[in-house]
Amino acid sequence: MDTSQAIAVAPKETETAVSSKRQRWSIAEKRRIVEETLVRGVSVARVARAHGVNANQVFYWRKLYQAGRLGGSSTAQLLPVGVRREASPTTLTLTEPRSSVPSFSSTIHIELRHAQVRVEGSADPSLLRVLLECLGR
């Protein structure tokens, strides 16, 4: 007794007839997804999964975003920074007779195309940020 059966095989459709399922993202959509990942404590993998994107793709978009290649005028631009140690000695300031707190003298000098900023002593980070944002406009 022969148990084999003949099976008819039909040729597959050509690859060109099948539509591509590849998602195309606009620059605005990429920028919006990347900005979601920049929030402190947010997982890139979870944001990617929520939008149906591979996490590696989102990391690549983040790299483009940080380089300013995803458009928009609100992208941050990094400036070159140099640190130079001054020859001035560290001074000690006595606040109470029994304890001494070291006080460090520092200077921040920022040179931009249209302005120069020099901050001596301790700088308030929030004030310095506002100053730099105003100068960057």
N, C-alpha and C. Protein backbone atom coordinates (compact mmCIF):
# COMPACT_ATOMS: atom_id res chain seq x y z
N MET A 1 0.83 -1.18 0.00
CA MET A 1 0.00 0.00 0.00
C MET A 1 0.87 1.24 0.00
N ASP A 2 0.60 2.14 -0.94
CA ASP A 2 1.38 3.37 -1.08
C ASP A 2 0.67 4.50 -0.37
N THR A 3 1.35 5.14 0.63
CA THR A 3 0.71 6.22 1.40
C THR A 3 1.13 7.61 0.93
N SER A 4 2.00 7.67 -0.03
CA SER A 4 2.44 9.00 -0.49
C SER A 4 1.37 9.63 -1.37
N GLN A 5 1.29 10.94 -1.30
CA GLN A 5 0.32 11.67 -2.09
C GLN A 5 1.05 12.69 -2.94
N ALA A 6 0.52 12.99 -4.05
CA ALA A 6 1.08 14.01 -4.91
C ALA A 6 0.55 15.37 -4.46
N ILE A 7 1.43 16.32 -4.30
CA ILE A 7 1.04 17.66 -3.88
C ILE A 7 1.39 18.62 -5.00
N ALA A 8 0.43 19.41 -5.40
CA ALA A 8 0.67 20.40 -6.44
C ALA A 8 1.24 21.66 -5.80
N VAL A 9 2.32 22.17 -6.37
CA VAL A 9 2.97 23.36 -5.84
C VAL A 9 2.76 24.49 -6.83
N ALA A 10 2.16 25.58 -6.35
CA ALA A 10 1.93 26.74 -7.20
C ALA A 10 3.09 27.72 -7.01
N PRO A 11 3.55 28.37 -8.04
CA PRO A 11 4.65 29.34 -7.89
C PRO A 11 4.20 30.53 -7.04
N LYS A 12 5.16 31.04 -6.22
CA LYS A 12 4.87 32.21 -5.37
C LYS A 12 4.75 33.46 -6.22
N GLU A 13 4.06 34.45 -5.64
CA GLU A 13 4.00 35.75 -6.31
C GLU A 13 5.39 36.36 -6.27
N THR A 14 5.65 37.20 -7.20
CA THR A 14 6.97 37.84 -7.23
C THR A 14 7.11 38.80 -6.05
N GLU A 15 8.33 39.03 -5.62
CA GLU A 15 8.61 39.91 -4.47
C GLU A 15 8.15 41.33 -4.73
N THR A 16 8.16 41.76 -5.97
CA THR A 16 7.79 43.15 -6.26
C THR A 16 6.31 43.41 -6.05
N ALA A 17 5.50 42.34 -6.11
CA ALA A 17 4.07 42.53 -5.95
C ALA A 17 3.68 42.70 -4.48
N VAL A 18 4.54 42.26 -3.57
CA VAL A 18 4.24 42.35 -2.14
C VAL A 18 4.58 43.76 -1.66
N SER A 19 3.64 44.38 -0.95
CA SER A 19 3.87 45.74 -0.48
C SER A 19 4.83 45.73 0.70
N SER A 20 5.60 46.77 0.83
CA SER A 20 6.58 46.90 1.91
C SER A 20 5.87 47.29 3.20
N LYS A 21 6.22 46.60 4.30
CA LYS A 21 5.63 46.93 5.59
C LYS A 21 6.54 47.86 6.39
N ARG A 22 7.55 48.38 5.77
CA ARG A 22 8.50 49.24 6.44
C ARG A 22 7.86 50.58 6.77
N GLN A 23 7.96 50.97 8.03
CA GLN A 23 7.37 52.24 8.50
C GLN A 23 8.30 53.40 8.13
N ARG A 24 7.74 54.45 7.63
CA ARG A 24 8.50 55.67 7.33
C ARG A 24 8.11 56.72 8.35
N TRP A 25 9.09 57.29 9.03
CA TRP A 25 8.85 58.29 10.06
C TRP A 25 9.28 59.65 9.56
N SER A 26 8.45 60.64 9.78
CA SER A 26 8.83 62.00 9.41
C SER A 26 9.85 62.52 10.42
N ILE A 27 10.54 63.56 10.07
CA ILE A 27 11.53 64.15 10.98
C ILE A 27 10.84 64.64 12.25
N ALA A 28 9.66 65.20 12.12
CA ALA A 28 8.92 65.68 13.30
C ALA A 28 8.56 64.52 14.22
N GLU A 29 8.16 63.38 13.65
CA GLU A 29 7.83 62.21 14.47
C GLU A 29 9.07 61.67 15.17
N LYS A 30 10.18 61.60 14.45
CA LYS A 30 11.43 61.13 15.06
C LYS A 30 11.83 62.03 16.22
N ARG A 31 11.75 63.34 15.98
CA ARG A 31 12.12 64.32 17.01
C ARG A 31 11.21 64.17 18.24
N ARG A 32 9.92 63.97 18.02
CA ARG A 32 8.98 63.82 19.13
C ARG A 32 9.29 62.56 19.94
N ILE A 33 9.58 61.46 19.26
CA ILE A 33 9.92 60.20 19.96
C ILE A 33 11.22 60.37 20.74
N VAL A 34 12.21 60.98 20.13
CA VAL A 34 13.50 61.19 20.82
C VAL A 34 13.30 62.07 22.05
N GLU A 35 12.52 63.13 21.93
CA GLU A 35 12.31 64.04 23.06
C GLU A 35 11.60 63.33 24.21
N GLU A 36 10.77 62.33 23.90
CA GLU A 36 10.16 61.54 24.97
C GLU A 36 11.23 60.77 25.75
N THR A 37 12.28 60.33 25.07
CA THR A 37 13.33 59.55 25.73
C THR A 37 14.28 60.42 26.55
N LEU A 38 14.25 61.72 26.36
CA LEU A 38 15.17 62.60 27.06
C LEU A 38 14.69 62.98 28.45
N VAL A 39 13.48 62.60 28.80
CA VAL A 39 12.93 62.87 30.13
C VAL A 39 13.64 61.96 31.13
N ARG A 40 14.05 62.54 32.24
CA ARG A 40 14.78 61.79 33.26
C ARG A 40 13.97 60.59 33.75
N GLY A 41 14.61 59.41 33.79
CA GLY A 41 13.98 58.21 34.30
C GLY A 41 13.17 57.42 33.28
N VAL A 42 13.08 57.91 32.05
CA VAL A 42 12.30 57.23 31.01
C VAL A 42 13.18 56.20 30.31
N SER A 43 12.63 55.03 30.06
CA SER A 43 13.35 53.95 29.37
C SER A 43 13.22 54.12 27.86
N VAL A 44 14.36 54.12 27.18
CA VAL A 44 14.35 54.24 25.72
C VAL A 44 13.63 53.02 25.12
N ALA A 45 13.88 51.86 25.68
CA ALA A 45 13.26 50.63 25.15
C ALA A 45 11.74 50.69 25.25
N ARG A 46 11.23 51.22 26.36
CA ARG A 46 9.78 51.30 26.52
C ARG A 46 9.15 52.31 25.57
N VAL A 47 9.82 53.44 25.39
CA VAL A 47 9.30 54.44 24.43
C VAL A 47 9.32 53.85 23.03
N ALA A 48 10.40 53.17 22.68
CA ALA A 48 10.50 52.56 21.35
C ALA A 48 9.40 51.53 21.15
N ARG A 49 9.19 50.68 22.14
CA ARG A 49 8.15 49.65 22.05
C ARG A 49 6.77 50.27 21.90
N ALA A 50 6.53 51.37 22.62
CA ALA A 50 5.22 52.03 22.56
C ALA A 50 4.93 52.58 21.16
N HIS A 51 5.98 52.92 20.42
CA HIS A 51 5.80 53.48 19.08
C HIS A 51 6.06 52.45 17.98
N GLY A 52 6.38 51.21 18.38
CA GLY A 52 6.62 50.17 17.38
C GLY A 52 7.93 50.35 16.64
N VAL A 53 8.94 50.86 17.34
CA VAL A 53 10.25 51.10 16.74
C VAL A 53 11.28 50.28 17.50
N ASN A 54 12.30 49.81 16.80
CA ASN A 54 13.40 49.12 17.45
C ASN A 54 14.17 50.11 18.31
N ALA A 55 14.57 49.71 19.51
CA ALA A 55 15.29 50.61 20.42
C ALA A 55 16.60 51.10 19.81
N ASN A 56 17.28 50.25 19.05
CA ASN A 56 18.53 50.68 18.40
C ASN A 56 18.28 51.83 17.43
N GLN A 57 17.14 51.79 16.76
CA GLN A 57 16.78 52.87 15.84
C GLN A 57 16.58 54.17 16.60
N VAL A 58 15.93 54.09 17.76
CA VAL A 58 15.70 55.29 18.58
C VAL A 58 17.03 55.84 19.09
N PHE A 59 17.95 54.96 19.50
CA PHE A 59 19.28 55.43 19.91
C PHE A 59 19.98 56.14 18.76
N TYR A 60 19.85 55.65 17.54
CA TYR A 60 20.43 56.32 16.37
C TYR A 60 19.79 57.69 16.16
N TRP A 61 18.47 57.75 16.29
CA TRP A 61 17.79 59.04 16.15
C TRP A 61 18.26 60.02 17.23
N ARG A 62 18.49 59.52 18.44
CA ARG A 62 19.00 60.38 19.53
C ARG A 62 20.36 60.97 19.15
N LYS A 63 21.18 60.14 18.54
CA LYS A 63 22.51 60.60 18.10
C LYS A 63 22.35 61.72 17.06
N LEU A 64 21.44 61.53 16.11
CA LEU A 64 21.17 62.56 15.11
C LEU A 64 20.62 63.83 15.76
N TYR A 65 19.74 63.65 16.73
CA TYR A 65 19.12 64.76 17.44
C TYR A 65 20.18 65.59 18.15
N GLN A 66 21.08 64.91 18.85
CA GLN A 66 22.13 65.60 19.60
C GLN A 66 23.11 66.31 18.68
N ALA A 67 23.25 65.81 17.46
CA ALA A 67 24.11 66.46 16.48
C ALA A 67 23.38 67.59 15.75
N GLY A 68 22.09 67.79 16.06
CA GLY A 68 21.31 68.84 15.42
C GLY A 68 20.84 68.48 14.03
N ARG A 69 20.78 67.18 13.71
CA ARG A 69 20.41 66.76 12.36
C ARG A 69 18.96 66.32 12.23
N LEU A 70 18.15 66.54 13.26
CA LEU A 70 16.72 66.24 13.16
C LEU A 70 15.89 67.51 13.08
N GLY A 71 16.49 68.57 12.62
CA GLY A 71 15.78 69.81 12.39
C GLY A 71 15.31 70.50 13.65
N GLY A 72 14.54 71.55 13.46
CA GLY A 72 14.01 72.31 14.60
C GLY A 72 15.05 73.27 15.14
N SER A 73 14.58 74.43 15.56
CA SER A 73 15.50 75.43 16.10
C SER A 73 15.75 75.25 17.58
N SER A 74 15.01 74.32 18.22
CA SER A 74 15.14 74.16 19.66
C SER A 74 16.20 73.13 20.04
N THR A 75 16.93 72.59 19.05
CA THR A 75 17.94 71.60 19.38
C THR A 75 19.13 72.28 20.04
N ALA A 76 19.66 71.63 21.05
CA ALA A 76 20.78 72.18 21.80
C ALA A 76 22.05 72.06 20.98
N GLN A 77 22.90 73.05 21.11
CA GLN A 77 24.18 73.02 20.44
C GLN A 77 25.26 73.02 21.50
N LEU A 78 26.22 72.12 21.34
CA LEU A 78 27.31 72.02 22.28
C LEU A 78 28.44 72.96 21.87
N LEU A 79 29.07 73.54 22.86
CA LEU A 79 30.18 74.44 22.62
C LEU A 79 31.46 73.80 23.14
N PRO A 80 32.60 74.07 22.49
CA PRO A 80 33.85 73.52 23.02
C PRO A 80 34.21 74.19 24.34
N VAL A 81 34.72 73.41 25.27
CA VAL A 81 35.06 73.91 26.59
C VAL A 81 36.51 73.56 26.89
N GLY A 82 37.25 74.52 27.43
CA GLY A 82 38.61 74.28 27.88
C GLY A 82 38.71 74.60 29.36
N VAL A 83 39.45 73.78 30.09
CA VAL A 83 39.64 74.01 31.52
C VAL A 83 41.11 74.31 31.74
N ARG A 84 41.36 75.44 32.43
CA ARG A 84 42.73 75.86 32.69
C ARG A 84 42.88 76.11 34.18
N ARG A 85 43.88 75.53 34.77
CA ARG A 85 44.12 75.70 36.19
C ARG A 85 44.95 76.97 36.41
N GLU A 86 44.45 77.83 37.26
CA GLU A 86 45.14 79.07 37.59
C GLU A 86 46.20 78.81 38.66
N ALA A 87 47.18 79.68 38.77
CA ALA A 87 48.27 79.51 39.72
C ALA A 87 47.93 80.03 41.11
N SER A 88 46.72 80.57 41.30
CA SER A 88 46.37 81.14 42.60
C SER A 88 46.20 80.04 43.65
N PRO A 89 46.71 80.25 44.85
CA PRO A 89 46.61 79.23 45.89
C PRO A 89 45.20 79.17 46.48
N THR A 90 44.89 78.03 47.07
CA THR A 90 43.61 77.85 47.75
C THR A 90 43.69 78.53 49.10
N THR A 91 42.64 79.25 49.47
CA THR A 91 42.63 79.92 50.76
C THR A 91 41.68 79.21 51.70
N LEU A 92 41.97 79.26 52.97
CA LEU A 92 41.11 78.68 53.99
C LEU A 92 40.39 79.81 54.70
N THR A 93 39.11 79.65 54.87
CA THR A 93 38.31 80.63 55.59
C THR A 93 37.82 79.98 56.87
N LEU A 94 38.09 80.60 57.99
CA LEU A 94 37.65 80.06 59.26
C LEU A 94 36.28 80.61 59.59
N THR A 95 35.31 79.71 59.72
CA THR A 95 33.96 80.16 60.05
C THR A 95 33.72 80.09 61.56
N GLU A 96 34.34 79.15 62.20
CA GLU A 96 34.26 79.01 63.66
C GLU A 96 35.67 78.71 64.15
N PRO A 97 35.96 78.98 65.39
CA PRO A 97 37.31 78.73 65.89
C PRO A 97 37.76 77.27 65.79
N ARG A 98 36.86 76.32 65.85
CA ARG A 98 37.24 74.91 65.88
C ARG A 98 37.21 74.24 64.50
N SER A 99 36.55 74.82 63.52
CA SER A 99 36.47 74.16 62.21
C SER A 99 36.89 75.11 61.11
N SER A 100 37.44 74.53 60.07
CA SER A 100 37.81 75.34 58.92
C SER A 100 37.18 74.73 57.68
N VAL A 101 36.67 75.58 56.82
CA VAL A 101 36.04 75.15 55.58
C VAL A 101 36.86 75.70 54.43
N PRO A 102 37.36 74.83 53.53
CA PRO A 102 38.14 75.36 52.42
C PRO A 102 37.27 76.16 51.46
N SER A 103 37.78 77.28 51.04
CA SER A 103 37.08 78.13 50.08
C SER A 103 37.93 78.18 48.82
N PHE A 104 37.37 77.75 47.70
CA PHE A 104 38.13 77.69 46.46
C PHE A 104 37.79 78.89 45.59
N SER A 105 38.82 79.52 45.07
CA SER A 105 38.64 80.64 44.16
C SER A 105 38.55 80.07 42.75
N SER A 106 37.52 80.46 42.01
CA SER A 106 37.37 79.96 40.65
C SER A 106 36.91 81.08 39.74
N THR A 107 37.22 80.92 38.47
CA THR A 107 36.80 81.88 37.46
C THR A 107 36.28 81.10 36.26
N ILE A 108 35.13 81.53 35.76
CA ILE A 108 34.57 80.96 34.54
C ILE A 108 34.61 82.05 33.49
N HIS A 109 35.28 81.76 32.39
CA HIS A 109 35.40 82.74 31.30
C HIS A 109 34.82 82.09 30.05
N ILE A 110 33.78 82.70 29.48
CA ILE A 110 33.11 82.17 28.30
C ILE A 110 33.23 83.18 27.17
N GLU A 111 33.75 82.72 26.04
CA GLU A 111 33.89 83.59 24.88
C GLU A 111 32.97 83.09 23.78
N LEU A 112 32.06 83.95 23.37
CA LEU A 112 31.16 83.66 22.25
C LEU A 112 31.51 84.60 21.11
N ARG A 113 30.88 84.41 19.95
CA ARG A 113 31.17 85.30 18.82
C ARG A 113 30.83 86.75 19.13
N HIS A 114 29.74 86.98 19.85
CA HIS A 114 29.25 88.34 20.07
C HIS A 114 29.35 88.80 21.52
N ALA A 115 29.92 87.99 22.41
CA ALA A 115 29.98 88.40 23.82
C ALA A 115 31.03 87.60 24.57
N GLN A 116 31.45 88.15 25.71
CA GLN A 116 32.34 87.46 26.63
C GLN A 116 31.72 87.56 28.02
N VAL A 117 31.79 86.45 28.75
CA VAL A 117 31.24 86.41 30.11
C VAL A 117 32.34 85.92 31.03
N ARG A 118 32.50 86.62 32.14
CA ARG A 118 33.50 86.23 33.15
C ARG A 118 32.80 86.19 34.50
N VAL A 119 32.82 85.02 35.14
CA VAL A 119 32.19 84.84 36.44
C VAL A 119 33.30 84.47 37.43
N GLU A 120 33.45 85.27 38.46
CA GLU A 120 34.48 85.00 39.47
C GLU A 120 33.82 84.55 40.76
N GLY A 121 34.49 83.67 41.47
CA GLY A 121 33.95 83.15 42.72
C GLY A 121 33.01 81.99 42.42
N SER A 122 32.07 81.76 43.29
CA SER A 122 31.12 80.66 43.06
C SER A 122 29.96 81.17 42.21
N ALA A 123 29.57 80.36 41.24
CA ALA A 123 28.49 80.75 40.32
C ALA A 123 27.23 79.97 40.65
N ASP A 124 26.10 80.65 40.65
CA ASP A 124 24.81 80.00 40.83
C ASP A 124 24.47 79.31 39.51
N PRO A 125 24.35 77.96 39.50
CA PRO A 125 24.11 77.24 38.24
C PRO A 125 22.86 77.70 37.50
N SER A 126 21.77 77.98 38.20
CA SER A 126 20.55 78.39 37.50
C SER A 126 20.71 79.78 36.87
N LEU A 127 21.40 80.67 37.56
CA LEU A 127 21.65 82.00 36.99
C LEU A 127 22.56 81.91 35.77
N LEU A 128 23.58 81.08 35.85
CA LEU A 128 24.49 80.90 34.73
C LEU A 128 23.77 80.30 33.53
N ARG A 129 22.85 79.36 33.77
CA ARG A 129 22.09 78.75 32.69
C ARG A 129 21.21 79.79 31.97
N VAL A 130 20.52 80.63 32.75
CA VAL A 130 19.67 81.67 32.16
C VAL A 130 20.52 82.64 31.34
N LEU A 131 21.67 83.01 31.88
CA LEU A 131 22.58 83.91 31.18
C LEU A 131 23.01 83.33 29.84
N LEU A 132 23.41 82.06 29.84
CA LEU A 132 23.86 81.43 28.60
C LEU A 132 22.72 81.25 27.59
N GLU A 133 21.51 80.96 28.09
CA GLU A 133 20.37 80.84 27.18
C GLU A 133 20.06 82.17 26.52
N CYS A 134 20.18 83.27 27.28
CA CYS A 134 19.93 84.59 26.69
C CYS A 134 20.99 84.97 25.68
N LEU A 135 22.24 84.61 25.96
CA LEU A 135 23.32 84.93 25.03
C LEU A 135 23.28 84.07 23.77
N GLY A 136 22.71 82.87 23.89
CA GLY A 136 22.65 81.95 22.75
C GLY A 136 21.60 82.31 21.73
N ARG A 137 20.74 83.25 22.03
CA ARG A 137 19.68 83.62 21.08
C ARG A 137 20.17 84.50 19.99
